[in-house]
Amino acid sequence: MSRHKEVRSLVSLAEQAGFEMVRYTGTGHYKMQHSNGQTLVIPSTPGGPRWKQNVLAEIRRAKRRKP
């Protein structure tokens, strides 16, 4: 799977978990806000080897956090 498809699937997964797209930053990141106030930033051009695991961990933490 290409990274672009992985980014799109993580954005979709975050939306299913209760995140809402706030904006696309000028630096190439998707900024998302959860209903409990937590912010999630997903890079549109990830470079590091653990970017996907880090985003998934943030989504899991937001699900556990109470509003």
PDB file of N, CA and C in Angstrom:
ATOM      1  N   MET A   1       0.850  -1.176   0.000  1.00  0.00           N
ATOM      2  CA  MET A   1       0.000   0.000   0.000  1.00  0.00           C
ATOM      3  C   MET A   1       0.893   1.237   0.000  1.00  0.00           C
ATOM      4  N   SER A   2       0.560   2.199  -0.827  1.00  0.00           N
ATOM      5  CA  SER A   2       1.362   3.415  -0.891  1.00  0.00           C
ATOM      6  C   SER A   2       1.103   4.272   0.347  1.00  0.00           C
ATOM      7  N   ARG A   3       2.035   5.142   0.643  1.00  0.00           N
ATOM      8  CA  ARG A   3       1.882   6.001   1.825  1.00  0.00           C
ATOM      9  C   ARG A   3       0.689   6.919   1.695  1.00  0.00           C
ATOM     10  N   HIS A   4       0.400   7.384   0.481  1.00  0.00           N
ATOM     11  CA  HIS A   4      -0.754   8.270   0.291  1.00  0.00           C
ATOM     12  C   HIS A   4      -2.041   7.544   0.675  1.00  0.00           C
ATOM     13  N   LYS A   5      -2.163   6.289   0.288  1.00  0.00           N
ATOM     14  CA  LYS A   5      -3.347   5.503   0.643  1.00  0.00           C
ATOM     15  C   LYS A   5      -3.393   5.244   2.141  1.00  0.00           C
ATOM     16  N   GLU A   6      -2.227   5.019   2.751  1.00  0.00           N
ATOM     17  CA  GLU A   6      -2.177   4.801   4.190  1.00  0.00           C
ATOM     18  C   GLU A   6      -2.612   6.055   4.954  1.00  0.00           C
ATOM     19  N   VAL A   7      -2.177   7.210   4.478  1.00  0.00           N
ATOM     20  CA  VAL A   7      -2.573   8.472   5.118  1.00  0.00           C
ATOM     21  C   VAL A   7      -4.080   8.648   5.010  1.00  0.00           C
ATOM     22  N   ARG A   8      -4.634   8.417   3.829  1.00  0.00           N
ATOM     23  CA  ARG A   8      -6.090   8.549   3.647  1.00  0.00           C
ATOM     24  C   ARG A   8      -6.845   7.580   4.541  1.00  0.00           C
ATOM     25  N   SER A   9      -6.347   6.348   4.685  1.00  0.00           N
ATOM     26  CA  SER A   9      -7.038   5.376   5.521  1.00  0.00           C
ATOM     27  C   SER A   9      -6.953   5.767   6.999  1.00  0.00           C
ATOM     28  N   LEU A  10      -5.833   6.365   7.438  1.00  0.00           N
ATOM     29  CA  LEU A  10      -5.722   6.813   8.825  1.00  0.00           C
ATOM     30  C   LEU A  10      -6.623   8.012   9.100  1.00  0.00           C
ATOM     31  N   VAL A  11      -6.767   8.902   8.129  1.00  0.00           N
ATOM     32  CA  VAL A  11      -7.694  10.030   8.287  1.00  0.00           C
ATOM     33  C   VAL A  11      -9.115   9.487   8.421  1.00  0.00           C
ATOM     34  N   SER A  12      -9.465   8.523   7.609  1.00  0.00           N
ATOM     35  CA  SER A  12     -10.789   7.906   7.682  1.00  0.00           C
ATOM     36  C   SER A  12     -10.996   7.197   9.017  1.00  0.00           C
ATOM     37  N   LEU A  13      -9.991   6.478   9.486  1.00  0.00           N
ATOM     38  CA  LEU A  13     -10.071   5.788  10.769  1.00  0.00           C
ATOM     39  C   LEU A  13     -10.243   6.784  11.913  1.00  0.00           C
ATOM     40  N   ALA A  14      -9.528   7.894  11.842  1.00  0.00           N
ATOM     41  CA  ALA A  14      -9.648   8.925  12.873  1.00  0.00           C
ATOM     42  C   ALA A  14     -11.059   9.519  12.869  1.00  0.00           C
ATOM     43  N   GLU A  15     -11.637   9.730  11.698  1.00  0.00           N
ATOM     44  CA  GLU A  15     -13.002  10.253  11.616  1.00  0.00           C
ATOM     45  C   GLU A  15     -13.992   9.266  12.216  1.00  0.00           C
ATOM     46  N   GLN A  16     -13.795   7.988  12.002  1.00  0.00           N
ATOM     47  CA  GLN A  16     -14.668   6.972  12.584  1.00  0.00           C
ATOM     48  C   GLN A  16     -14.531   6.937  14.103  1.00  0.00           C
ATOM     49  N   ALA A  17     -13.369   7.320  14.623  1.00  0.00           N
ATOM     50  CA  ALA A  17     -13.114   7.317  16.066  1.00  0.00           C
ATOM     51  C   ALA A  17     -13.609   8.595  16.737  1.00  0.00           C
ATOM     52  N   GLY A  18     -14.195   9.511  15.978  1.00  0.00           N
ATOM     53  CA  GLY A  18     -14.748  10.721  16.567  1.00  0.00           C
ATOM     54  C   GLY A  18     -13.983  11.998  16.283  1.00  0.00           C
ATOM     55  N   PHE A  19     -12.936  11.906  15.479  1.00  0.00           N
ATOM     56  CA  PHE A  19     -12.184  13.105  15.117  1.00  0.00           C
ATOM     57  C   PHE A  19     -12.874  13.815  13.959  1.00  0.00           C
ATOM     58  N   GLU A  20     -12.675  15.113  13.912  1.00  0.00           N
ATOM     59  CA  GLU A  20     -13.250  15.938  12.844  1.00  0.00           C
ATOM     60  C   GLU A  20     -12.120  16.755  12.233  1.00  0.00           C
ATOM     61  N   MET A  21     -12.117  16.850  10.915  1.00  0.00           N
ATOM     62  CA  MET A  21     -11.070  17.601  10.220  1.00  0.00           C
ATOM     63  C   MET A  21     -11.232  19.084  10.531  1.00  0.00           C
ATOM     64  N   VAL A  22     -10.183  19.681  11.083  1.00  0.00           N
ATOM     65  CA  VAL A  22     -10.207  21.107  11.392  1.00  0.00           C
ATOM     66  C   VAL A  22      -9.668  21.892  10.200  1.00  0.00           C
ATOM     67  N   ARG A  23      -8.505  21.466   9.720  1.00  0.00           N
ATOM     68  CA  ARG A  23      -7.919  22.141   8.552  1.00  0.00           C
ATOM     69  C   ARG A  23      -6.727  21.361   8.033  1.00  0.00           C
ATOM     70  N   TYR A  24      -6.335  21.699   6.843  1.00  0.00           N
ATOM     71  CA  TYR A  24      -5.110  21.188   6.245  1.00  0.00           C
ATOM     72  C   TYR A  24      -4.099  22.314   6.357  1.00  0.00           C
ATOM     73  N   THR A  25      -3.034  22.099   7.107  1.00  0.00           N
ATOM     74  CA  THR A  25      -2.070  23.175   7.342  1.00  0.00           C
ATOM     75  C   THR A  25      -1.244  23.438   6.092  1.00  0.00           C
ATOM     76  N   GLY A  26      -0.624  24.567   6.063  1.00  0.00           N
ATOM     77  CA  GLY A  26       0.232  24.914   4.932  1.00  0.00           C
ATOM     78  C   GLY A  26       1.522  24.122   4.901  1.00  0.00           C
ATOM     79  N   THR A  27       1.836  23.447   6.000  1.00  0.00           N
ATOM     80  CA  THR A  27       3.076  22.676   6.073  1.00  0.00           C
ATOM     81  C   THR A  27       2.874  21.211   5.712  1.00  0.00           C
ATOM     82  N   GLY A  28       1.681  20.848   5.266  1.00  0.00           N
ATOM     83  CA  GLY A  28       1.444  19.485   4.809  1.00  0.00           C
ATOM     84  C   GLY A  28       0.981  18.522   5.883  1.00  0.00           C
ATOM     85  N   HIS A  29       0.160  18.994   6.807  1.00  0.00           N
ATOM     86  CA  HIS A  29      -0.363  18.147   7.865  1.00  0.00           C
ATOM     87  C   HIS A  29      -1.882  18.301   7.939  1.00  0.00           C
ATOM     88  N   TYR A  30      -2.545  17.213   8.317  1.00  0.00           N
ATOM     89  CA  TYR A  30      -3.979  17.258   8.563  1.00  0.00           C
ATOM     90  C   TYR A  30      -4.173  17.471  10.054  1.00  0.00           C
ATOM     91  N   LYS A  31      -4.859  18.532  10.435  1.00  0.00           N
ATOM     92  CA  LYS A  31      -5.125  18.796  11.842  1.00  0.00           C
ATOM     93  C   LYS A  31      -6.561  18.384  12.129  1.00  0.00           C
ATOM     94  N   MET A  32      -6.730  17.499  13.124  1.00  0.00           N
ATOM     95  CA  MET A  32      -8.038  16.961  13.452  1.00  0.00           C
ATOM     96  C   MET A  32      -8.311  17.181  14.933  1.00  0.00           C
ATOM     97  N   GLN A  33      -9.585  17.366  15.281  1.00  0.00           N
ATOM     98  CA  GLN A  33      -9.993  17.619  16.662  1.00  0.00           C
ATOM     99  C   GLN A  33     -11.020  16.583  17.078  1.00  0.00           C
ATOM    100  N   HIS A  34     -10.845  16.012  18.277  1.00  0.00           N
ATOM    101  CA  HIS A  34     -11.799  15.046  18.817  1.00  0.00           C
ATOM    102  C   HIS A  34     -12.835  15.793  19.646  1.00  0.00           C
ATOM    103  N   SER A  35     -13.991  15.192  19.841  1.00  0.00           N
ATOM    104  CA  SER A  35     -15.041  15.829  20.629  1.00  0.00           C
ATOM    105  C   SER A  35     -14.628  16.019  22.090  1.00  0.00           C
ATOM    106  N   ASN A  36     -13.637  15.248  22.573  1.00  0.00           N
ATOM    107  CA  ASN A  36     -13.157  15.408  23.942  1.00  0.00           C
ATOM    108  C   ASN A  36     -12.065  16.472  24.056  1.00  0.00           C
ATOM    109  N   GLY A  37     -11.737  17.143  22.957  1.00  0.00           N
ATOM    110  CA  GLY A  37     -10.768  18.228  22.979  1.00  0.00           C
ATOM    111  C   GLY A  37      -9.371  17.854  22.515  1.00  0.00           C
ATOM    112  N   GLN A  38      -9.090  16.580  22.342  1.00  0.00           N
ATOM    113  CA  GLN A  38      -7.758  16.152  21.922  1.00  0.00           C
ATOM    114  C   GLN A  38      -7.530  16.502  20.454  1.00  0.00           C
ATOM    115  N   THR A  39      -6.313  16.928  20.160  1.00  0.00           N
ATOM    116  CA  THR A  39      -5.924  17.282  18.797  1.00  0.00           C
ATOM    117  C   THR A  39      -5.026  16.191  18.237  1.00  0.00           C
ATOM    118  N   LEU A  40      -5.211  15.887  16.963  1.00  0.00           N
ATOM    119  CA  LEU A  40      -4.407  14.892  16.261  1.00  0.00           C
ATOM    120  C   LEU A  40      -3.871  15.534  14.991  1.00  0.00           C
ATOM    121  N   VAL A  41      -2.581  15.388  14.761  1.00  0.00           N
ATOM    122  CA  VAL A  41      -1.955  15.908  13.552  1.00  0.00           C
ATOM    123  C   VAL A  41      -1.400  14.724  12.774  1.00  0.00           C
ATOM    124  N   ILE A  42      -1.853  14.585  11.520  1.00  0.00           N
ATOM    125  CA  ILE A  42      -1.397  13.487  10.667  1.00  0.00           C
ATOM    126  C   ILE A  42      -0.588  14.087   9.523  1.00  0.00           C
ATOM    127  N   PRO A  43       0.657  13.640   9.340  1.00  0.00           N
ATOM    128  CA  PRO A  43       1.463  14.174   8.238  1.00  0.00           C
ATOM    129  C   PRO A  43       0.967  13.646   6.895  1.00  0.00           C
ATOM    130  N   SER A  44       0.915  14.534   5.909  1.00  0.00           N
ATOM    131  CA  SER A  44       0.486  14.081   4.580  1.00  0.00           C
ATOM    132  C   SER A  44       1.637  13.438   3.816  1.00  0.00           C
ATOM    133  N   THR A  45       2.853  13.733   4.228  1.00  0.00           N
ATOM    134  CA  THR A  45       4.034  13.103   3.629  1.00  0.00           C
ATOM    135  C   THR A  45       4.914  12.588   4.756  1.00  0.00           C
ATOM    136  N   PRO A  46       4.544  11.457   5.358  1.00  0.00           N
ATOM    137  CA  PRO A  46       5.297  10.935   6.495  1.00  0.00           C
ATOM    138  C   PRO A  46       6.698  10.505   6.090  1.00  0.00           C
ATOM    139  N   GLY A  47       7.645  10.735   6.999  1.00  0.00           N
ATOM    140  CA  GLY A  47       9.019  10.392   6.677  1.00  0.00           C
ATOM    141  C   GLY A  47       9.624   9.338   7.576  1.00  0.00           C
ATOM    142  N   GLY A  48       9.220   9.319   8.839  1.00  0.00           N
ATOM    143  CA  GLY A  48       9.812   8.394   9.798  1.00  0.00           C
ATOM    144  C   GLY A  48       9.226   7.002   9.690  1.00  0.00           C
ATOM    145  N   PRO A  49       9.930   6.026  10.226  1.00  0.00           N
ATOM    146  CA  PRO A  49       9.452   4.642  10.133  1.00  0.00           C
ATOM    147  C   PRO A  49       8.290   4.322  11.066  1.00  0.00           C
ATOM    148  N   ARG A  50       8.067   5.130  12.128  1.00  0.00           N
ATOM    149  CA  ARG A  50       7.030   4.821  13.105  1.00  0.00           C
ATOM    150  C   ARG A  50       5.827   5.744  13.002  1.00  0.00           C
ATOM    151  N   TRP A  51       5.683   6.481  11.944  1.00  0.00           N
ATOM    152  CA  TRP A  51       4.606   7.471  11.860  1.00  0.00           C
ATOM    153  C   TRP A  51       3.230   6.832  11.991  1.00  0.00           C
ATOM    154  N   LYS A  52       3.038   5.691  11.368  1.00  0.00           N
ATOM    155  CA  LYS A  52       1.727   5.037  11.388  1.00  0.00           C
ATOM    156  C   LYS A  52       1.390   4.529  12.789  1.00  0.00           C
ATOM    157  N   GLN A  53       2.351   3.908  13.454  1.00  0.00           N
ATOM    158  CA  GLN A  53       2.131   3.411  14.805  1.00  0.00           C
ATOM    159  C   GLN A  53       1.820   4.560  15.769  1.00  0.00           C
ATOM    160  N   ASN A  54       2.492   5.691  15.592  1.00  0.00           N
ATOM    161  CA  ASN A  54       2.265   6.848  16.456  1.00  0.00           C
ATOM    162  C   ASN A  54       0.861   7.414  16.273  1.00  0.00           C
ATOM    163  N   VAL A  55       0.396   7.502  15.051  1.00  0.00           N
ATOM    164  CA  VAL A  55      -0.953   8.015  14.789  1.00  0.00           C
ATOM    165  C   VAL A  55      -1.999   7.059  15.349  1.00  0.00           C
ATOM    166  N   LEU A  56      -1.811   5.762  15.159  1.00  0.00           N
ATOM    167  CA  LEU A  56      -2.754   4.787  15.697  1.00  0.00           C
ATOM    168  C   LEU A  56      -2.808   4.849  17.223  1.00  0.00           C
ATOM    169  N   ALA A  57      -1.662   5.055  17.867  1.00  0.00           N
ATOM    170  CA  ALA A  57      -1.623   5.172  19.323  1.00  0.00           C
ATOM    171  C   ALA A  57      -2.381   6.410  19.789  1.00  0.00           C
ATOM    172  N   GLU A  58      -2.246   7.521  19.077  1.00  0.00           N
ATOM    173  CA  GLU A  58      -2.985   8.741  19.428  1.00  0.00           C
ATOM    174  C   GLU A  58      -4.492   8.531  19.293  1.00  0.00           C
ATOM    175  N   ILE A  59      -4.908   7.809  18.272  1.00  0.00           N
ATOM    176  CA  ILE A  59      -6.334   7.525  18.082  1.00  0.00           C
ATOM    177  C   ILE A  59      -6.849   6.664  19.236  1.00  0.00           C
ATOM    178  N   ARG A  60      -6.087   5.654  19.627  1.00  0.00           N
ATOM    179  CA  ARG A  60      -6.496   4.789  20.749  1.00  0.00           C
ATOM    180  C   ARG A  60      -6.596   5.585  22.041  1.00  0.00           C
ATOM    181  N   ARG A  61      -5.639   6.490  22.284  1.00  0.00           N
ATOM    182  CA  ARG A  61      -5.670   7.301  23.500  1.00  0.00           C
ATOM    183  C   ARG A  61      -6.892   8.213  23.532  1.00  0.00           C
ATOM    184  N   ALA A  62      -7.253   8.761  22.389  1.00  0.00           N
ATOM    185  CA  ALA A  62      -8.420   9.651  22.325  1.00  0.00           C
ATOM    186  C   ALA A  62      -9.700   8.889  22.620  1.00  0.00           C
ATOM    187  N   LYS A  63      -9.792   7.652  22.176  1.00  0.00           N
ATOM    188  CA  LYS A  63     -10.982   6.846  22.440  1.00  0.00           C
ATOM    189  C   LYS A  63     -11.152   6.601  23.938  1.00  0.00           C
ATOM    190  N   ARG A  64     -10.044   6.429  24.656  1.00  0.00           N
ATOM    191  CA  ARG A  64     -10.097   6.145  26.092  1.00  0.00           C
ATOM    192  C   ARG A  64     -10.370   7.386  26.931  1.00  0.00           C
ATOM    193  N   ARG A  65     -10.021   8.549  26.400  1.00  0.00           N
ATOM    194  CA  ARG A  65     -10.132   9.802  27.155  1.00  0.00           C
ATOM    195  C   ARG A  65     -11.588  10.238  27.261  1.00  0.00           C
ATOM    196  N   LYS A  66     -11.993  10.630  28.446  1.00  0.00           N
ATOM    197  CA  LYS A  66     -13.369  11.072  28.673  1.00  0.00           C
ATOM    198  C   LYS A  66     -13.520  12.545  28.296  1.00  0.00           C
ATOM    199  N   PRO A  67     -14.675  12.949  27.780  1.00  0.00           N
ATOM    200  CA  PRO A  67     -14.893  14.373  27.442  1.00  0.00           C
ATOM    201  C   PRO A  67     -15.002  15.247  28.667  1.00  0.00           C
TER     202      PRO A  67
END
